[in-house]
Amino acid sequence: WSRNDQRLLQIKNKKIKYYTDIKVCRCFVLSNGTLQILNVVKEDSSMYTVRVYHEDGKLKAEEKTELIVQGERNLVRPACPLSCFSEPVPQPIIYAECINKTTAVKCEVKQATKNQTFTMEVVYDKITKKSNLTKMEFTTTHSGRFRCTVKNKVSEKTTEKQVKCSGQLDFYLIISIAGGAILFVSFVILLIFCIRKKKTERLEDD
């Protein structure tokens, strides 16, 4: 990371090397390469550049980000991406198992970072449950595909799981069975009516 073409720090093999006084910089880099600045002041307004290199030393990517701090209240304009202050969400883990003809569902994240705020969603059969906790548990009579999504202002990750519990009938399957039964009964009634009508016509001819 550089500020106005002046090197601040670098991370290599999970080790951070500073090119400036850490007390003056008030900055550090997260494990995913995100630069974080503590106690932002007006003098921090600058053009920040991040460069990513391959293992052989060749430049892989370069991106510039402008940070503008205005006023004594340290208001940060949208010129600085949200990734300056947040970390990507971890991959959620979803569990679903059948218990007494019901489905027990649990979605959680085990590597939540400090002071992280995100939204957790579990979607099944067009029903959505939301929470701001790191774990969500509930039971339902539904089965099928469950999708757990964890997201914040920086990133979003999803995990899906298919589960089918014995003894549970899908809503659409129930409707299909009921519809088929109604059609069958209607056909039988119509068939009986036709037979009786023909029989009556024969008796009239005789």
Protein backbone atom coordinates (compact mmCIF):
# COMPACT_ATOMS: atom_id res chain seq x y z
CA TRP A 1 0.00 0.00 0.00
CA SER A 2 1.20 3.52 -0.86
CA ARG A 3 -0.07 7.01 -0.10
CA ASN A 4 0.70 9.62 -2.75
CA ASP A 5 3.35 7.23 -4.16
CA GLN A 6 5.00 6.93 -0.73
CA ARG A 7 5.13 3.37 0.56
CA LEU A 8 3.21 2.66 3.75
CA LEU A 9 3.41 -1.09 4.26
CA GLN A 10 3.30 -4.48 2.58
CA ILE A 11 2.16 -7.98 3.50
CA LYS A 12 4.06 -11.04 2.33
CA ASN A 13 3.77 -14.58 3.64
CA LYS A 14 1.36 -13.22 6.29
CA LYS A 15 4.09 -10.87 7.59
CA ILE A 16 3.64 -7.09 7.59
CA LYS A 17 6.55 -4.78 6.79
CA TYR A 18 6.24 -1.04 7.46
CA TYR A 19 8.03 1.62 5.40
CA THR A 20 6.90 4.45 7.69
CA ASP A 21 6.38 5.11 11.37
CA ILE A 22 3.39 3.04 12.48
CA LYS A 23 2.38 5.71 15.01
CA VAL A 24 2.25 8.34 12.29
CA CYS A 25 0.58 6.03 9.78
CA ARG A 26 -1.99 4.64 12.25
CA CYS A 27 -2.62 1.93 9.72
CA PHE A 28 -2.36 -1.81 9.34
CA VAL A 29 -3.32 -4.39 6.75
CA LEU A 30 -5.75 -7.25 7.28
CA SER A 31 -5.05 -10.83 6.22
CA ASN A 32 -7.03 -10.32 2.99
CA GLY A 33 -5.00 -7.25 2.03
CA THR A 34 -7.49 -4.59 3.16
CA LEU A 35 -5.89 -1.38 4.46
CA GLN A 36 -7.39 -0.02 7.68
CA ILE A 37 -6.68 3.43 9.12
CA LEU A 38 -7.39 4.21 12.77
CA ASN A 39 -8.61 7.58 14.06
CA VAL A 40 -8.92 9.17 10.62
CA VAL A 41 -7.91 12.87 10.49
CA LYS A 42 -8.07 15.49 7.77
CA GLU A 43 -4.38 15.01 6.93
CA ASP A 44 -5.13 11.43 5.87
CA SER A 45 -6.85 12.77 2.74
CA SER A 46 -4.75 11.34 -0.07
CA MET A 47 -4.65 9.02 -3.05
CA TYR A 48 -4.00 5.46 -1.87
CA THR A 49 -2.63 2.81 -4.20
CA VAL A 50 -2.62 -0.95 -3.69
CA ARG A 51 -0.44 -3.23 -5.81
CA VAL A 52 -0.69 -7.02 -5.88
CA TYR A 53 2.20 -9.15 -7.14
CA HIS A 54 2.57 -12.74 -8.25
CA GLU A 55 4.99 -15.00 -6.39
CA ASP A 56 7.59 -14.42 -9.12
CA GLY A 57 7.46 -10.66 -8.45
CA LYS A 58 5.45 -9.65 -11.52
CA LEU A 59 2.71 -7.07 -11.03
CA LYS A 60 -0.74 -8.72 -10.98
CA ALA A 61 -3.08 -5.78 -10.28
CA GLU A 62 -3.05 -2.12 -9.28
CA GLU A 63 -5.90 0.03 -8.00
CA LYS A 64 -6.10 3.61 -6.74
CA THR A 65 -8.55 4.84 -4.10
CA GLU A 66 -9.07 8.45 -3.06
CA LEU A 67 -9.83 9.15 0.59
CA ILE A 68 -11.30 12.56 1.42
CA VAL A 69 -11.78 13.61 5.05
CA GLN A 70 -13.56 16.91 5.58
CA GLY A 71 -14.24 18.98 8.70
CA GLU A 72 -13.18 18.42 12.28
CA ARG A 73 -15.70 15.62 12.73
CA ASN A 74 -13.73 13.39 10.37
CA LEU A 75 -16.55 12.81 7.91
CA VAL A 76 -15.51 10.39 5.20
CA ARG A 77 -16.99 10.94 1.76
CA PRO A 78 -18.04 7.97 -0.41
CA ALA A 79 -14.81 8.43 -2.39
CA CYS A 80 -13.33 5.82 -0.07
CA PRO A 81 -14.77 2.33 -0.76
CA LEU A 82 -16.50 0.53 2.08
CA SER A 83 -13.76 -2.10 1.91
CA CYS A 84 -11.51 0.43 3.70
CA PHE A 85 -13.49 -0.17 6.86
CA SER A 86 -15.07 -3.64 6.56
CA GLU A 87 -13.93 -7.20 5.97
CA PRO A 88 -15.51 -9.74 3.61
CA VAL A 89 -17.96 -12.06 5.33
CA PRO A 90 -16.92 -15.66 6.08
CA GLN A 91 -18.46 -18.66 4.32
CA PRO A 92 -21.65 -19.74 6.16
CA ILE A 93 -22.19 -23.34 7.26
CA ILE A 94 -25.68 -24.83 7.04
CA TYR A 95 -26.94 -27.95 8.80
CA ALA A 96 -30.32 -29.59 8.12
CA GLU A 97 -31.55 -32.90 9.50
CA CYS A 98 -34.86 -34.72 9.95
CA ILE A 99 -36.21 -35.04 13.49
CA ASN A 100 -39.67 -36.57 14.11
CA LYS A 101 -41.00 -35.65 10.65
CA THR A 102 -39.70 -32.08 11.00
CA THR A 103 -36.57 -30.45 9.65
CA ALA A 104 -34.09 -28.87 12.10
CA VAL A 105 -32.07 -26.15 10.37
CA LYS A 106 -29.02 -24.30 11.63
CA CYS A 107 -26.93 -21.71 9.80
CA GLU A 108 -23.83 -20.18 11.37
CA VAL A 109 -20.45 -18.57 10.76
CA LYS A 110 -17.53 -19.65 12.91
CA GLN A 111 -14.96 -17.03 11.87
CA ALA A 112 -16.82 -13.78 12.44
CA THR A 113 -14.38 -10.89 12.74
CA LYS A 114 -14.38 -8.42 15.60
CA ASN A 115 -17.04 -5.71 15.45
CA GLN A 116 -18.46 -7.21 12.27
CA THR A 117 -22.09 -6.50 11.38
CA PHE A 118 -23.85 -8.53 8.72
CA THR A 119 -27.22 -9.95 7.74
CA MET A 120 -27.97 -13.69 7.71
CA GLU A 121 -30.80 -15.00 5.54
CA VAL A 122 -32.20 -18.53 5.29
CA VAL A 123 -34.52 -19.12 2.33
CA TYR A 124 -36.72 -22.20 1.82
CA ASP A 125 -40.00 -22.70 -0.03
CA LYS A 126 -40.21 -18.94 -0.75
CA ILE A 127 -39.95 -18.21 3.00
CA THR A 128 -37.12 -15.96 4.19
CA LYS A 129 -35.81 -15.63 7.75
CA LYS A 130 -33.38 -12.83 8.61
CA SER A 131 -31.08 -12.20 11.56
CA ASN A 132 -28.04 -10.11 12.53
CA LEU A 133 -26.61 -12.88 14.73
CA THR A 134 -23.79 -15.29 13.91
CA LYS A 135 -26.12 -18.28 14.29
CA MET A 136 -29.74 -19.01 13.34
CA GLU A 137 -31.64 -22.15 14.39
CA PHE A 138 -35.25 -23.19 13.79
CA THR A 139 -37.47 -26.17 12.94
CA THR A 140 -39.97 -26.44 10.10
CA THR A 141 -42.33 -29.00 8.57
CA HIS A 142 -40.94 -28.14 5.13
CA SER A 143 -38.14 -29.97 3.38
CA GLY A 144 -36.27 -29.40 0.15
CA ARG A 145 -33.47 -26.95 -0.67
CA PHE A 146 -32.32 -24.57 2.06
CA ARG A 147 -30.12 -21.59 1.21
CA CYS A 148 -28.16 -19.62 3.82
CA THR A 149 -26.72 -16.25 2.82
CA VAL A 150 -24.43 -14.02 4.86
CA LYS A 151 -23.72 -10.52 3.58
CA ASN A 152 -22.51 -7.09 4.57
CA LYS A 153 -21.70 -3.91 2.65
CA VAL A 154 -18.55 -5.49 1.21
CA SER A 155 -19.36 -9.04 0.17
CA GLU A 156 -21.93 -11.82 0.14
CA LYS A 157 -21.54 -15.62 0.44
CA THR A 158 -24.11 -18.40 0.14
CA THR A 159 -24.30 -22.08 1.09
CA GLU A 160 -27.08 -24.45 -0.02
CA LYS A 161 -28.20 -27.87 1.17
CA GLN A 162 -30.88 -30.27 -0.12
CA VAL A 163 -32.78 -32.28 2.48
CA LYS A 164 -35.81 -34.58 2.14
CA CYS A 165 -37.48 -35.93 5.25
CA SER A 166 -39.62 -39.08 5.04
CA GLY A 167 -43.23 -38.58 6.03
CA GLN A 168 -43.30 -35.04 4.66
CA LEU A 169 -45.27 -34.32 1.49
CA ASP A 170 -44.42 -31.36 -0.65
CA PHE A 171 -47.21 -28.76 -0.91
CA TYR A 172 -47.35 -29.02 -4.67
CA LEU A 173 -47.37 -32.80 -4.47
CA ILE A 174 -50.38 -32.66 -2.15
CA ILE A 175 -52.19 -30.35 -4.58
CA SER A 176 -51.36 -32.71 -7.47
CA ILE A 177 -52.69 -35.74 -5.61
CA ALA A 178 -55.87 -33.91 -4.62
CA GLY A 179 -56.38 -32.66 -8.18
CA GLY A 180 -55.85 -36.13 -9.58
CA ALA A 181 -58.39 -37.59 -7.14
CA ILE A 182 -61.00 -34.98 -8.13
CA LEU A 183 -60.46 -35.71 -11.84
CA PHE A 184 -60.75 -39.46 -11.23
CA VAL A 185 -64.01 -39.10 -9.26
CA SER A 186 -65.42 -36.78 -11.96
CA PHE A 187 -64.51 -39.31 -14.66
CA VAL A 188 -66.20 -42.14 -12.74
CA ILE A 189 -69.38 -40.08 -12.23
CA LEU A 190 -69.45 -39.14 -15.92
CA LEU A 191 -68.90 -42.79 -16.94
CA ILE A 192 -71.78 -43.98 -14.71
CA PHE A 193 -74.03 -41.26 -16.12
CA CYS A 194 -73.26 -42.29 -19.72
CA ILE A 195 -73.88 -45.98 -18.98
CA ARG A 196 -77.23 -45.27 -17.31
CA LYS A 197 -78.27 -42.98 -20.16
CA LYS A 198 -77.54 -45.65 -22.77
CA LYS A 199 -79.36 -48.24 -20.69
CA THR A 200 -82.38 -45.96 -20.46
CA GLU A 201 -82.39 -45.39 -24.23
CA ARG A 202 -82.33 -49.16 -24.86
CA LEU A 203 -85.27 -49.71 -22.51
CA GLU A 204 -87.24 -47.01 -24.35
CA ASP A 205 -86.51 -48.72 -27.71
CA ASP A 206 -87.69 -52.06 -26.37
